């Protein structure tokens, strides 16, 4: 995996910006002996199920992407079960870590290896974790992370104080430090915005037209472990399937250095880690394994992302001559060149026909 990260880092060396995208992926599994399997939330199913969960990192530059790191999440029930640990070959030094802590380890590992990271983007599971944000601060890395809609923000800088006891109150005398300013939830904050507070920005071009969002940004303060931290709140509204989807985002990048459009663009790049999962599973078989052990799981994942890296390099190499080249095209080219004996339509002609149809579809959306 370290070698793959270095190869992709070299591939993206001339790109305008490179982001490290963090997310977890889960696979439903039967039984109780596959390493890390437990009854836990499975993103593929959208509910709790018997599954394995791992935290992944994808390097993204423009429309190019590749998974470069992965670490299996072990629930507490596995950490405490010595018999199952030994049978699955889990190293003795592995202790329980929540997913956000695993993600921070991955970022530190990539940073230490010299991988270019212009920003880190992640969903609210990681963005809501103040320790994760603090760790990225300490590494000096720009982050653009989603937060939950019930996150409290403060429009004024606050101090931590023990509030006075209310007159006539029979309750206990307050002893816990609290912010001395009034907080507002981000989903309540948005209701106070007017049309003049929003700016429409184009985030990227897609096959079905340009992705456009209405964006608002403001520097606010948040309580992170009893410390007042200045952050940039970014709110992005995007029309999806006749509804408006709202993303609430926190960043440590100030508006004096980064535009709201750029921060929103970085946040929207999380699309590419989902795309990397999709390509790795559909065209490479990253989820098609029958292994139980710790080492076997990591071997399979390493081989899968090495193959994904090869596909990414092919797509990048041919982006000028074949701008619509897809991972499925590359997979079919391999099959056509090496595995089929029957005489069929030349692959180049099949590819040209497919790209002509794809271009017609793209043109239809733009015209």
Protein backbone atom coordinates (compact mmCIF):
# COMPACT_ATOMS: atom_id res chain seq x y z
CA UNK A 1 0.00 0.00 0.00
CA UNK A 2 2.87 2.38 0.73
CA UNK A 3 4.25 1.73 -2.75
CA UNK A 4 0.85 2.41 -4.35
CA UNK A 5 0.57 5.70 -2.47
CA UNK A 6 3.99 6.78 -3.76
CA UNK A 7 3.06 5.82 -7.35
CA UNK A 8 -0.21 7.77 -7.26
CA UNK A 9 1.54 10.70 -5.59
CA UNK A 10 3.99 10.79 -8.49
CA UNK A 11 1.11 10.49 -11.00
CA UNK A 12 -0.59 13.57 -9.49
CA UNK A 13 2.55 15.69 -9.00
CA UNK A 14 1.56 18.29 -11.62
CA UNK A 15 -2.10 18.54 -10.65
CA UNK A 16 -3.54 21.81 -9.35
CA UNK A 17 -4.62 20.30 -6.02
CA UNK A 18 -4.59 16.86 -4.41
CA UNK A 19 -7.02 15.85 -1.69
CA UNK A 20 -6.94 12.93 0.72
CA UNK A 21 -10.52 11.70 1.06
CA UNK A 22 -11.57 9.62 4.06
CA UNK A 23 -14.54 7.25 4.31
CA UNK A 24 -15.42 3.78 5.50
CA UNK A 25 -16.77 0.88 3.47
CA UNK A 26 -18.57 -2.19 4.77
CA UNK A 27 -19.33 -5.66 3.45
CA UNK A 28 -22.01 -8.01 4.72
CA UNK A 29 -20.55 -11.31 5.95
CA UNK A 30 -22.03 -14.45 7.43
CA UNK A 31 -20.78 -16.27 10.51
CA UNK A 32 -18.61 -14.91 13.31
CA UNK A 33 -15.03 -15.85 12.42
CA UNK A 34 -14.22 -13.49 9.53
CA UNK A 35 -11.85 -10.97 11.07
CA UNK A 36 -13.70 -7.93 12.44
CA UNK A 37 -17.18 -9.21 11.59
CA UNK A 38 -19.89 -8.06 14.01
CA UNK A 39 -23.45 -6.79 14.15
CA UNK A 40 -22.81 -3.14 13.31
CA UNK A 41 -23.93 -0.44 10.91
CA UNK A 42 -23.47 -1.51 7.27
CA UNK A 43 -23.43 1.39 4.83
CA UNK A 44 -24.14 -0.85 1.85
CA UNK A 45 -27.42 -1.95 3.42
CA UNK A 46 -28.25 1.25 5.28
CA UNK A 47 -28.87 -0.57 8.54
CA UNK A 48 -27.18 -2.71 11.17
CA UNK A 49 -26.12 -6.13 9.95
CA UNK A 50 -23.40 -8.75 10.33
CA UNK A 51 -20.55 -7.12 8.42
CA UNK A 52 -16.91 -6.04 8.24
CA UNK A 53 -16.01 -2.34 8.23
CA UNK A 54 -12.76 -0.70 7.14
CA UNK A 55 -11.56 2.89 6.89
CA UNK A 56 -10.14 3.88 3.49
CA UNK A 57 -8.23 6.84 2.09
CA UNK A 58 -8.35 7.94 -1.55
CA UNK A 59 -6.06 10.43 -3.27
CA UNK A 60 -8.05 12.65 -5.62
CA UNK A 61 -6.90 15.16 -8.23
CA UNK A 62 -9.49 16.58 -10.58
CA UNK A 63 -11.49 13.68 -11.95
CA UNK A 64 -8.71 11.16 -11.22
CA UNK A 65 -8.64 9.12 -8.02
CA UNK A 66 -7.25 6.00 -6.38
CA UNK A 67 -7.46 4.30 -3.00
CA UNK A 68 -4.05 4.43 -1.33
CA UNK A 69 -4.62 3.15 2.22
CA UNK A 70 -7.01 0.96 4.19
CA UNK A 71 -7.28 -0.21 7.77
CA UNK A 72 -9.74 -2.72 9.19
CA UNK A 73 -11.96 -1.59 12.05
CA UNK A 74 -12.12 -4.05 14.95
CA UNK A 75 -15.15 -3.68 17.25
CA UNK A 76 -14.65 -3.99 21.00
CA UNK A 77 -16.11 -7.52 20.98
CA UNK A 78 -13.18 -8.60 18.81
CA UNK A 79 -10.59 -6.75 20.86
CA UNK A 80 -11.76 -8.59 24.00
CA UNK A 81 -12.03 -12.04 22.39
CA UNK A 82 -8.53 -13.52 22.54
CA UNK A 83 -9.55 -16.85 21.02
CA UNK A 84 -11.01 -15.28 17.88
CA UNK A 85 -8.11 -12.83 17.63
CA UNK A 86 -5.55 -15.65 17.65
CA UNK A 87 -7.51 -17.75 15.18
CA UNK A 88 -7.77 -14.82 12.75
CA UNK A 89 -4.13 -13.82 13.24
CA UNK A 90 -4.81 -10.34 14.60
CA UNK A 91 -1.48 -8.83 15.77
CA UNK A 92 -1.14 -8.49 19.54
CA UNK A 93 -0.43 -4.75 19.35
CA UNK A 94 -3.82 -4.01 17.78
CA UNK A 95 -6.06 -2.23 20.29
CA UNK A 96 -9.50 -0.71 19.98
CA UNK A 97 -9.67 2.55 18.03
CA UNK A 98 -12.76 4.34 16.84
CA UNK A 99 -13.01 5.01 13.13
CA UNK A 100 -12.04 8.68 13.43
CA UNK A 101 -8.85 7.67 15.28
CA UNK A 102 -8.03 5.15 12.54
CA UNK A 103 -8.60 7.87 9.93
CA UNK A 104 -6.20 10.20 11.73
CA UNK A 105 -3.58 7.42 11.83
CA UNK A 106 -3.94 7.02 8.07
CA UNK A 107 -3.48 10.76 7.48
CA UNK A 108 -0.38 10.79 9.72
CA UNK A 109 1.05 7.78 7.88
CA UNK A 110 0.57 9.42 4.47
CA UNK A 111 1.95 12.74 5.70
CA UNK A 112 5.03 11.04 7.16
CA UNK A 113 5.59 9.20 3.86
CA UNK A 114 5.77 12.53 2.03
CA UNK A 115 2.48 12.17 0.17
CA UNK A 116 1.16 15.50 -1.08
CA UNK A 117 -2.02 16.44 0.82
CA UNK A 118 -3.46 19.84 -0.01
CA UNK A 119 -6.61 19.14 2.01
CA UNK A 120 -8.52 16.38 3.79
CA UNK A 121 -12.24 15.85 3.19
CA UNK A 122 -14.51 13.50 5.13
CA UNK A 123 -18.16 13.01 6.03
CA UNK A 124 -19.82 13.87 9.32
CA UNK A 125 -18.74 10.67 11.09
CA UNK A 126 -15.21 12.09 11.07
CA UNK A 127 -15.97 15.80 10.84
CA UNK A 128 -18.09 15.72 14.00
CA UNK A 129 -15.11 14.33 15.96
CA UNK A 130 -13.22 17.24 17.54
CA UNK A 131 -10.15 15.05 18.17
CA UNK A 132 -9.95 14.32 14.44
CA UNK A 133 -10.12 18.03 13.61
CA UNK A 134 -7.57 18.83 16.33
CA UNK A 135 -5.20 16.20 14.94
CA UNK A 136 -5.40 17.69 11.44
CA UNK A 137 -4.76 21.14 12.93
CA UNK A 138 -1.61 19.84 14.60
CA UNK A 139 -0.44 18.34 11.30
CA UNK A 140 -0.96 21.70 9.59
CA UNK A 141 -3.38 20.22 7.07
CA UNK A 142 -6.40 22.04 5.68
CA UNK A 143 -9.61 20.13 6.37
CA UNK A 144 -13.07 20.49 4.85
CA UNK A 145 -15.36 18.11 6.73
CA UNK A 146 -19.09 17.62 7.02
CA UNK A 147 -20.83 18.10 10.39
CA UNK A 148 -24.25 17.14 11.75
CA UNK A 149 -27.14 19.57 11.40
CA UNK A 150 -27.47 19.83 15.20
CA UNK A 151 -23.90 21.11 15.65
CA UNK A 152 -23.74 24.25 17.79
CA UNK A 153 -21.87 27.31 16.55
CA UNK A 154 -21.18 30.70 18.12
CA UNK A 155 -21.18 33.89 16.10
CA UNK A 156 -19.06 35.67 18.72
CA UNK A 157 -15.85 34.57 20.41
CA UNK A 158 -16.64 33.11 23.83
CA UNK A 159 -14.95 32.36 27.13
CA UNK A 160 -15.47 29.26 29.24
CA UNK A 161 -17.11 30.23 32.54
CA UNK A 162 -19.15 28.64 35.30
CA UNK A 163 -22.65 30.07 34.86
CA UNK A 164 -24.30 31.66 37.89
CA UNK A 165 -27.05 29.78 39.65
CA UNK A 166 -30.50 30.97 38.62
CA UNK A 167 -32.35 32.91 41.27
CA UNK A 168 -34.96 30.85 43.05
CA UNK A 169 -33.62 27.64 41.55
CA UNK A 170 -33.61 24.55 43.78
CA UNK A 171 -31.18 22.69 41.58
CA UNK A 172 -27.51 22.11 42.13
CA UNK A 173 -25.04 24.96 41.91
CA UNK A 174 -23.34 24.84 38.46
CA UNK A 175 -19.72 23.66 38.56
CA UNK A 176 -19.05 22.88 34.88
CA UNK A 177 -17.43 25.41 32.56
CA UNK A 178 -19.69 26.52 29.72
CA UNK A 179 -19.41 29.08 26.89
CA UNK A 180 -20.59 32.53 27.98
CA UNK A 181 -22.18 33.23 24.58
CA UNK A 182 -25.43 31.87 23.20
CA UNK A 183 -25.09 28.99 20.75
CA UNK A 184 -27.17 28.36 17.66
CA UNK A 185 -27.59 25.10 15.77
CA UNK A 186 -26.43 25.21 12.16
CA UNK A 187 -29.86 24.11 10.89
CA UNK A 188 -31.38 27.05 12.80
CA UNK A 189 -28.67 29.45 11.57
CA UNK A 190 -29.55 28.71 7.93
CA UNK A 191 -33.15 29.85 8.45
CA UNK A 192 -31.94 33.39 9.14
CA UNK A 193 -30.11 33.71 5.82
CA UNK A 194 -31.49 35.76 2.94
CA UNK A 195 -31.03 35.32 -0.80
CA UNK A 196 -28.20 37.86 -0.71
CA UNK A 197 -26.21 35.57 1.63
CA UNK A 198 -25.81 32.89 -1.05
CA UNK A 199 -23.55 32.62 -4.08
CA UNK A 200 -24.04 30.14 -6.90
CA UNK A 201 -20.81 28.33 -7.81
CA UNK A 202 -19.90 25.67 -10.34
CA UNK A 203 -18.07 22.87 -8.55
CA UNK A 204 -17.21 20.53 -11.41
CA UNK A 205 -18.42 19.34 -14.80
CA UNK A 206 -20.20 16.01 -15.03
CA UNK A 207 -21.73 13.80 -17.69
CA UNK A 208 -25.17 15.26 -16.93
CA UNK A 209 -24.10 18.87 -16.89
CA UNK A 210 -22.16 21.04 -14.48
CA UNK A 211 -22.64 20.46 -10.76
CA UNK A 212 -23.77 23.78 -9.33
CA UNK A 213 -24.52 24.68 -5.73
CA UNK A 214 -25.60 27.66 -3.71
CA UNK A 215 -22.89 28.35 -1.14
CA UNK A 216 -22.74 30.44 2.02
CA UNK A 217 -19.67 30.83 4.24
CA UNK A 218 -18.97 32.62 7.51
CA UNK A 219 -16.24 32.49 10.12
CA UNK A 220 -17.71 31.24 13.42
CA UNK A 221 -16.56 29.76 16.72
CA UNK A 222 -17.09 26.24 18.04
CA UNK A 223 -16.53 24.53 21.36
CA UNK A 224 -13.89 21.83 20.88
CA UNK A 225 -13.21 20.07 24.16
CA UNK A 226 -13.74 23.22 26.21
CA UNK A 227 -11.62 25.39 23.89
CA UNK A 228 -12.98 28.20 21.72
CA UNK A 229 -11.84 27.52 18.14
CA UNK A 230 -12.35 29.79 15.16
CA UNK A 231 -13.62 27.84 12.14
CA UNK A 232 -15.19 28.58 8.78
CA UNK A 233 -18.74 27.36 8.41
CA UNK A 234 -19.66 26.51 4.82
CA UNK A 235 -23.21 25.60 3.84
CA UNK A 236 -23.83 24.08 0.41
CA UNK A 237 -27.27 23.62 -1.11
CA UNK A 238 -27.60 21.39 -4.16
CA UNK A 239 -30.66 20.26 -6.08
CA UNK A 240 -30.82 16.46 -6.21
CA UNK A 241 -33.77 14.53 -7.64
CA UNK A 242 -36.21 17.45 -7.24
CA UNK A 243 -35.17 18.04 -3.62
CA UNK A 244 -32.63 20.36 -2.03
CA UNK A 245 -29.78 18.61 -0.21
CA UNK A 246 -27.92 20.67 2.37
CA UNK A 247 -24.34 20.03 3.47
CA UNK A 248 -23.06 21.66 6.65
CA UNK A 249 -19.27 21.91 6.58
CA UNK A 250 -16.50 23.04 8.93
CA UNK A 251 -13.02 24.04 7.82
CA UNK A 252 -9.89 25.38 9.46
CA UNK A 253 -9.24 27.45 6.32
CA UNK A 254 -9.97 31.14 6.84
CA UNK A 255 -11.90 33.19 4.28
CA UNK A 256 -8.91 35.51 4.02
CA UNK A 257 -6.99 32.68 2.36
CA UNK A 258 -9.63 30.45 0.74
CA UNK A 259 -12.75 31.42 -1.19
CA UNK A 260 -16.11 29.89 -0.29
CA UNK A 261 -16.23 28.42 -3.81
CA UNK A 262 -12.91 26.63 -3.33
CA UNK A 263 -13.87 25.22 0.07
CA UNK A 264 -17.16 23.97 -1.38
CA UNK A 265 -15.29 22.42 -4.31
CA UNK A 266 -12.96 20.59 -1.94
CA UNK A 267 -15.94 19.29 0.05
CA UNK A 268 -17.71 18.10 -3.09
CA UNK A 269 -14.65 16.04 -4.06
CA UNK A 270 -15.83 13.42 -1.53
CA UNK A 271 -17.78 12.11 -4.50
CA UNK A 272 -14.56 10.55 -5.77
CA UNK A 273 -13.98 8.25 -2.80
CA UNK A 274 -17.46 6.84 -3.39
CA UNK A 275 -16.49 6.50 -7.03
CA UNK A 276 -13.27 4.71 -6.09
CA UNK A 277 -15.29 2.19 -4.03
CA UNK A 278 -17.68 1.69 -6.93
CA UNK A 279 -14.92 1.08 -9.48
CA UNK A 280 -12.91 -1.17 -7.15
CA UNK A 281 -15.94 -3.31 -6.36
CA UNK A 282 -17.60 -3.45 -9.77
CA UNK A 283 -14.59 -3.72 -12.07
CA UNK A 284 -11.90 -5.24 -9.85
CA UNK A 285 -13.71 -7.35 -7.26
CA UNK A 286 -12.53 -5.70 -4.06
CA UNK A 287 -15.62 -6.97 -2.23
CA UNK A 288 -15.50 -10.48 -3.77
CA UNK A 289 -13.41 -12.43 -1.29
CA UNK A 290 -13.78 -15.43 0.98
CA UNK A 291 -11.06 -14.95 3.55
CA UNK A 292 -11.20 -14.93 7.35
CA UNK A 293 -7.72 -13.95 8.51
CA UNK A 294 -6.19 -10.56 9.20
CA UNK A 295 -3.29 -11.03 6.79
CA UNK A 296 -5.44 -12.52 4.03
CA UNK A 297 -7.87 -9.60 4.19
CA UNK A 298 -5.05 -7.07 3.89
CA UNK A 299 -3.47 -9.06 1.04
CA UNK A 300 -6.73 -8.99 -0.92
CA UNK A 301 -7.29 -5.27 -0.33
CA UNK A 302 -3.68 -4.44 -1.27
CA UNK A 303 -3.96 -6.39 -4.53
CA UNK A 304 -7.31 -4.75 -5.29
CA UNK A 305 -6.04 -1.21 -4.86
CA UNK A 306 -2.87 -2.03 -6.78
CA UNK A 307 -5.10 -3.03 -9.70
CA UNK A 308 -7.15 0.14 -9.23
CA UNK A 309 -3.91 2.13 -9.38
CA UNK A 310 -3.05 0.47 -12.70
CA UNK A 311 -6.47 1.41 -14.07
CA UNK A 312 -6.03 5.00 -12.87
CA UNK A 313 -2.62 5.24 -14.54
CA UNK A 314 -4.07 3.95 -17.82
CA UNK A 315 -6.95 6.43 -17.67
CA UNK A 316 -4.56 9.31 -16.90
CA UNK A 317 -2.15 8.31 -19.68
CA UNK A 318 -4.89 8.27 -22.32
CA UNK A 319 -6.94 11.28 -21.11
CA UNK A 320 -6.02 13.32 -24.21
CA UNK A 321 -6.72 10.71 -26.87
CA UNK A 322 -9.57 8.95 -25.05
CA UNK A 323 -11.17 11.52 -22.73
CA UNK A 324 -14.17 9.26 -22.08
CA UNK A 325 -12.13 6.18 -21.21
CA UNK A 326 -13.72 4.44 -18.23
CA UNK A 327 -12.56 1.78 -15.81
CA UNK A 328 -15.04 -0.62 -17.41
CA UNK A 329 -13.41 0.09 -20.81
CA UNK A 330 -9.99 -0.79 -19.42
CA UNK A 331 -11.32 -3.97 -17.83
CA UNK A 332 -12.95 -5.01 -21.11
CA UNK A 333 -9.75 -4.23 -23.01
CA UNK A 334 -7.84 -6.63 -20.76
CA UNK A 335 -10.46 -9.33 -21.25
CA UNK A 336 -10.57 -8.71 -25.00
CA UNK A 337 -6.79 -8.81 -25.43
CA UNK A 338 -5.88 -11.70 -23.16
CA UNK A 339 -8.82 -13.91 -22.29
CA UNK A 340 -11.03 -14.26 -25.38
CA UNK A 341 -10.24 -16.66 -28.19
CA UNK A 342 -13.27 -16.02 -30.39
CA UNK A 343 -12.98 -13.54 -33.26
CA UNK A 344 -15.18 -10.56 -32.47
CA UNK A 345 -15.63 -6.94 -33.40
CA UNK A 346 -12.26 -5.18 -32.92
CA UNK A 347 -12.03 -3.66 -29.47
CA UNK A 348 -11.05 -0.25 -30.83
CA UNK A 349 -14.26 -0.14 -32.86
CA UNK A 350 -16.37 -1.21 -29.88
CA UNK A 351 -14.69 1.44 -27.75
CA UNK A 352 -15.24 4.14 -30.38
CA UNK A 353 -18.94 3.28 -30.67
CA UNK A 354 -19.38 3.33 -26.89
CA UNK A 355 -17.62 6.69 -26.57
CA UNK A 356 -19.67 8.19 -29.40
CA UNK A 357 -22.86 7.20 -27.60
CA UNK A 358 -21.49 8.50 -24.30
CA UNK A 359 -20.56 11.82 -25.92
CA UNK A 360 -24.03 12.13 -27.43
CA UNK A 361 -25.53 11.62 -23.97
CA UNK A 362 -23.25 14.29 -22.50
CA UNK A 363 -24.07 16.73 -25.32
CA UNK A 364 -27.78 16.16 -24.77
CA UNK A 365 -27.53 17.32 -21.15
CA UNK A 366 -25.55 20.41 -22.06
CA UNK A 367 -27.77 21.42 -24.99
